[in-house]
């Protein structure tokens, strides 16, 4: 019994990778949306703050936008992402 308790204490806790998965999902969404974008804008998701709802994540992203013709800016985008990361609904 003592061995079971000791080995349970040694098990590593899984790394919380939710923020990374949210950023990756949003990055893919923006890249797919940009395929029809004729302005040549590239998006880079830099940060995310989120709230975990029952079936979704309510997210606010910091996104860097760079135009291929020059110039860049950083802005905020909000989106709701399903917990299985299968759907993104962008608010702004």
N, C-alpha and C. Protein backbone atom coordinates (compact mmCIF):
# COMPACT_ATOMS: atom_id res chain seq x y z
N UNK A 1 0.83 -1.18 0.00
CA UNK A 1 0.00 0.00 0.00
C UNK A 1 0.88 1.26 0.00
N UNK A 2 1.93 1.20 0.77
CA UNK A 2 2.84 2.35 0.83
C UNK A 2 3.48 2.62 -0.53
N UNK A 3 3.77 1.55 -1.26
CA UNK A 3 4.35 1.71 -2.60
C UNK A 3 3.35 2.40 -3.53
N UNK A 4 2.08 2.04 -3.44
CA UNK A 4 1.05 2.67 -4.28
C UNK A 4 0.92 4.15 -3.99
N UNK A 5 0.94 4.53 -2.75
CA UNK A 5 0.85 5.95 -2.39
C UNK A 5 2.09 6.70 -2.88
N UNK A 6 3.26 6.08 -2.69
CA UNK A 6 4.51 6.70 -3.10
C UNK A 6 4.55 6.89 -4.62
N UNK A 7 4.15 5.86 -5.38
CA UNK A 7 4.19 5.97 -6.84
C UNK A 7 3.17 6.99 -7.34
N UNK A 8 2.03 7.13 -6.67
CA UNK A 8 1.03 8.12 -7.07
C UNK A 8 1.59 9.53 -6.89
N UNK A 9 2.39 9.72 -5.87
CA UNK A 9 2.99 11.04 -5.63
C UNK A 9 4.05 11.37 -6.68
N UNK A 10 4.68 10.36 -7.24
CA UNK A 10 5.74 10.59 -8.22
C UNK A 10 5.21 10.83 -9.63
N UNK A 11 3.96 10.51 -9.90
CA UNK A 11 3.40 10.69 -11.23
C UNK A 11 3.35 12.17 -11.57
N UNK A 12 3.77 12.49 -12.77
CA UNK A 12 3.76 13.88 -13.20
C UNK A 12 2.35 14.27 -13.63
N UNK A 13 1.99 15.48 -13.28
CA UNK A 13 0.71 16.01 -13.70
C UNK A 13 0.81 16.41 -15.17
N UNK A 14 -0.24 16.21 -15.97
CA UNK A 14 -0.18 16.60 -17.38
C UNK A 14 -0.03 18.11 -17.50
N UNK A 15 0.72 18.52 -18.51
CA UNK A 15 0.93 19.94 -18.75
C UNK A 15 -0.36 20.54 -19.29
N UNK A 16 -0.73 21.69 -18.77
CA UNK A 16 -1.94 22.38 -19.24
C UNK A 16 -1.61 23.04 -20.56
N UNK A 17 -2.06 22.42 -21.64
CA UNK A 17 -1.75 22.94 -22.96
C UNK A 17 -2.95 23.60 -23.62
N UNK A 18 -3.97 23.93 -22.86
CA UNK A 18 -5.16 24.58 -23.42
C UNK A 18 -4.81 25.90 -24.11
N UNK A 19 -4.03 26.79 -23.50
CA UNK A 19 -3.71 28.04 -24.21
C UNK A 19 -3.01 27.80 -25.55
N UNK A 20 -2.10 26.85 -25.60
CA UNK A 20 -1.42 26.55 -26.86
C UNK A 20 -2.38 26.00 -27.91
N UNK A 21 -3.29 25.13 -27.49
CA UNK A 21 -4.27 24.58 -28.43
C UNK A 21 -5.22 25.67 -28.92
N UNK A 22 -5.62 26.58 -28.04
CA UNK A 22 -6.49 27.68 -28.45
C UNK A 22 -5.79 28.58 -29.45
N UNK A 23 -4.53 28.91 -29.19
CA UNK A 23 -3.79 29.76 -30.12
C UNK A 23 -3.61 29.06 -31.47
N UNK A 24 -3.32 27.79 -31.46
CA UNK A 24 -3.13 27.04 -32.70
C UNK A 24 -4.44 26.97 -33.49
N UNK A 25 -5.55 26.74 -32.80
CA UNK A 25 -6.85 26.66 -33.46
C UNK A 25 -7.22 28.00 -34.09
N UNK A 26 -6.99 29.09 -33.36
CA UNK A 26 -7.28 30.42 -33.90
C UNK A 26 -6.36 30.75 -35.07
N UNK A 27 -5.09 30.37 -34.97
CA UNK A 27 -4.15 30.61 -36.06
C UNK A 27 -4.61 29.90 -37.33
N UNK A 28 -5.04 28.65 -37.21
CA UNK A 28 -5.54 27.90 -38.36
C UNK A 28 -6.80 28.55 -38.93
N UNK A 29 -7.68 29.00 -38.05
CA UNK A 29 -8.91 29.67 -38.50
C UNK A 29 -8.57 30.93 -39.30
N UNK A 30 -7.64 31.73 -38.80
CA UNK A 30 -7.27 32.96 -39.49
C UNK A 30 -6.58 32.68 -40.82
N UNK A 31 -5.75 31.64 -40.86
CA UNK A 31 -5.08 31.29 -42.11
C UNK A 31 -6.08 30.81 -43.15
N UNK A 32 -7.08 30.03 -42.73
CA UNK A 32 -8.11 29.56 -43.67
C UNK A 32 -8.96 30.74 -44.14
N UNK A 33 -9.27 31.66 -43.24
CA UNK A 33 -10.06 32.83 -43.61
C UNK A 33 -9.28 33.74 -44.55
N UNK A 34 -7.97 33.77 -44.42
CA UNK A 34 -7.13 34.66 -45.21
C UNK A 34 -6.88 34.12 -46.62
N UNK A 35 -7.27 32.89 -46.92
CA UNK A 35 -7.03 32.34 -48.25
C UNK A 35 -7.74 33.16 -49.32
N UNK A 36 -8.90 33.71 -49.00
CA UNK A 36 -9.61 34.56 -49.95
C UNK A 36 -9.28 36.03 -49.75
N UNK A 37 -8.31 36.31 -48.91
CA UNK A 37 -7.93 37.68 -48.57
C UNK A 37 -7.02 38.22 -49.67
N UNK A 38 -7.47 39.24 -50.37
CA UNK A 38 -6.68 39.80 -51.46
C UNK A 38 -5.75 40.91 -50.99
N UNK A 39 -5.83 41.31 -49.72
CA UNK A 39 -4.95 42.37 -49.22
C UNK A 39 -3.59 41.83 -48.80
N UNK A 40 -3.41 40.53 -48.76
CA UNK A 40 -2.12 39.96 -48.40
C UNK A 40 -1.74 40.17 -46.96
N UNK A 41 -2.67 39.96 -46.05
CA UNK A 41 -2.42 40.14 -44.63
C UNK A 41 -2.04 38.82 -44.00
N UNK A 42 -0.97 38.83 -43.20
CA UNK A 42 -0.56 37.65 -42.45
C UNK A 42 -0.92 37.88 -40.98
N UNK A 43 -1.39 36.83 -40.33
CA UNK A 43 -1.79 36.91 -38.93
C UNK A 43 -0.89 36.03 -38.08
N UNK A 44 -0.53 36.52 -36.88
CA UNK A 44 0.21 35.74 -35.90
C UNK A 44 -0.48 35.91 -34.56
N UNK A 45 -1.00 34.81 -34.02
CA UNK A 45 -1.65 34.84 -32.71
C UNK A 45 -0.56 34.82 -31.65
N UNK A 46 -0.50 35.87 -30.84
CA UNK A 46 0.57 36.01 -29.85
C UNK A 46 0.17 35.59 -28.44
N UNK A 47 -1.03 35.96 -28.01
CA UNK A 47 -1.46 35.65 -26.64
C UNK A 47 -2.94 35.31 -26.63
N UNK A 48 -3.36 34.63 -25.57
CA UNK A 48 -4.78 34.34 -25.38
C UNK A 48 -5.13 34.41 -23.90
N UNK A 49 -6.28 35.00 -23.64
CA UNK A 49 -6.91 34.95 -22.31
C UNK A 49 -8.25 34.26 -22.55
N UNK A 50 -8.63 33.35 -21.66
CA UNK A 50 -9.84 32.59 -21.92
C UNK A 50 -10.60 32.25 -20.65
N UNK A 51 -11.88 31.97 -20.86
CA UNK A 51 -12.77 31.48 -19.82
C UNK A 51 -13.32 30.15 -20.32
N UNK A 52 -13.27 29.12 -19.50
CA UNK A 52 -13.77 27.80 -19.88
C UNK A 52 -15.24 27.69 -19.49
N UNK A 53 -16.12 27.71 -20.48
CA UNK A 53 -17.54 27.48 -20.26
C UNK A 53 -17.83 25.99 -20.27
N UNK A 54 -19.11 25.62 -20.22
CA UNK A 54 -19.44 24.20 -20.17
C UNK A 54 -19.08 23.43 -21.44
N UNK A 55 -19.25 24.05 -22.61
CA UNK A 55 -18.99 23.37 -23.89
C UNK A 55 -18.02 24.14 -24.79
N UNK A 56 -17.50 25.24 -24.31
CA UNK A 56 -16.71 26.11 -25.16
C UNK A 56 -15.70 26.90 -24.33
N UNK A 57 -14.78 27.54 -25.04
CA UNK A 57 -13.86 28.50 -24.44
C UNK A 57 -14.21 29.87 -25.01
N UNK A 58 -14.40 30.83 -24.15
CA UNK A 58 -14.60 32.22 -24.53
C UNK A 58 -13.22 32.86 -24.51
N UNK A 59 -12.74 33.34 -25.66
CA UNK A 59 -11.34 33.74 -25.78
C UNK A 59 -11.18 35.18 -26.25
N UNK A 60 -10.11 35.79 -25.80
CA UNK A 60 -9.66 37.06 -26.35
C UNK A 60 -8.20 36.89 -26.73
N UNK A 61 -7.91 37.12 -28.01
CA UNK A 61 -6.59 36.91 -28.56
C UNK A 61 -5.91 38.24 -28.86
N UNK A 62 -4.61 38.28 -28.66
CA UNK A 62 -3.78 39.37 -29.16
C UNK A 62 -3.18 38.86 -30.46
N UNK A 63 -3.46 39.57 -31.55
CA UNK A 63 -3.06 39.11 -32.87
C UNK A 63 -2.25 40.19 -33.57
N UNK A 64 -1.12 39.78 -34.12
CA UNK A 64 -0.30 40.70 -34.92
C UNK A 64 -0.69 40.51 -36.38
N UNK A 65 -0.99 41.61 -37.03
CA UNK A 65 -1.38 41.59 -38.43
C UNK A 65 -0.31 42.32 -39.24
N UNK A 66 0.19 41.66 -40.27
CA UNK A 66 1.24 42.24 -41.10
C UNK A 66 0.81 42.17 -42.56
N UNK A 67 0.87 43.31 -43.23
CA UNK A 67 0.55 43.35 -44.65
C UNK A 67 1.82 43.10 -45.45
N UNK A 68 1.70 42.33 -46.49
CA UNK A 68 2.86 42.01 -47.31
C UNK A 68 3.41 43.25 -48.01
N UNK A 69 2.54 44.24 -48.23
CA UNK A 69 2.98 45.48 -48.87
C UNK A 69 3.65 46.43 -47.88
N UNK A 70 3.73 46.04 -46.63
CA UNK A 70 4.37 46.86 -45.61
C UNK A 70 3.38 47.27 -44.54
N UNK A 71 3.87 47.53 -43.37
CA UNK A 71 3.04 47.95 -42.25
C UNK A 71 2.53 46.78 -41.45
N UNK A 72 2.39 47.02 -40.16
CA UNK A 72 1.85 46.00 -39.28
C UNK A 72 1.20 46.67 -38.08
N UNK A 73 0.38 45.90 -37.40
CA UNK A 73 -0.28 46.39 -36.20
C UNK A 73 -0.64 45.19 -35.32
N UNK A 74 -0.90 45.45 -34.08
CA UNK A 74 -1.34 44.41 -33.15
C UNK A 74 -2.72 44.80 -32.65
N UNK A 75 -3.63 43.84 -32.62
CA UNK A 75 -4.99 44.12 -32.18
C UNK A 75 -5.58 42.97 -31.40
N UNK A 76 -6.81 43.15 -30.98
CA UNK A 76 -7.54 42.16 -30.20
C UNK A 76 -8.63 41.53 -31.06
N UNK A 77 -8.85 40.24 -30.87
CA UNK A 77 -9.94 39.50 -31.50
C UNK A 77 -10.58 38.63 -30.43
N UNK A 78 -11.89 38.54 -30.48
CA UNK A 78 -12.60 37.64 -29.57
C UNK A 78 -13.25 36.54 -30.38
N UNK A 79 -13.27 35.35 -29.79
CA UNK A 79 -13.88 34.20 -30.46
C UNK A 79 -14.35 33.20 -29.41
N UNK A 80 -15.27 32.37 -29.82
CA UNK A 80 -15.74 31.25 -29.01
C UNK A 80 -15.29 29.98 -29.71
N UNK A 81 -14.57 29.12 -28.98
CA UNK A 81 -14.04 27.89 -29.55
C UNK A 81 -14.61 26.71 -28.78
N UNK A 82 -15.16 25.73 -29.52
CA UNK A 82 -15.70 24.54 -28.87
C UNK A 82 -14.59 23.79 -28.15
N UNK A 83 -14.96 23.11 -27.08
CA UNK A 83 -13.96 22.42 -26.25
C UNK A 83 -13.22 21.31 -27.00
N UNK A 84 -13.79 20.80 -28.09
CA UNK A 84 -13.06 19.81 -28.88
C UNK A 84 -12.26 20.47 -30.00
N UNK A 85 -12.22 21.81 -30.00
CA UNK A 85 -11.44 22.62 -30.94
C UNK A 85 -11.89 22.46 -32.39
N UNK A 86 -13.12 22.01 -32.60
CA UNK A 86 -13.61 21.76 -33.96
C UNK A 86 -14.29 22.96 -34.60
N UNK A 87 -14.61 23.97 -33.82
CA UNK A 87 -15.38 25.11 -34.35
C UNK A 87 -14.92 26.41 -33.72
N UNK A 88 -14.77 27.43 -34.58
CA UNK A 88 -14.42 28.77 -34.12
C UNK A 88 -15.50 29.73 -34.58
N UNK A 89 -16.03 30.49 -33.65
CA UNK A 89 -17.01 31.53 -33.97
C UNK A 89 -16.43 32.86 -33.54
N UNK A 90 -15.97 33.62 -34.51
CA UNK A 90 -15.30 34.89 -34.21
C UNK A 90 -16.33 35.97 -33.92
N UNK A 91 -16.11 36.73 -32.85
CA UNK A 91 -17.00 37.81 -32.48
C UNK A 91 -16.55 39.11 -33.11
N UNK A 92 -15.29 39.46 -32.95
CA UNK A 92 -14.68 40.62 -33.61
C UNK A 92 -13.20 40.42 -33.69
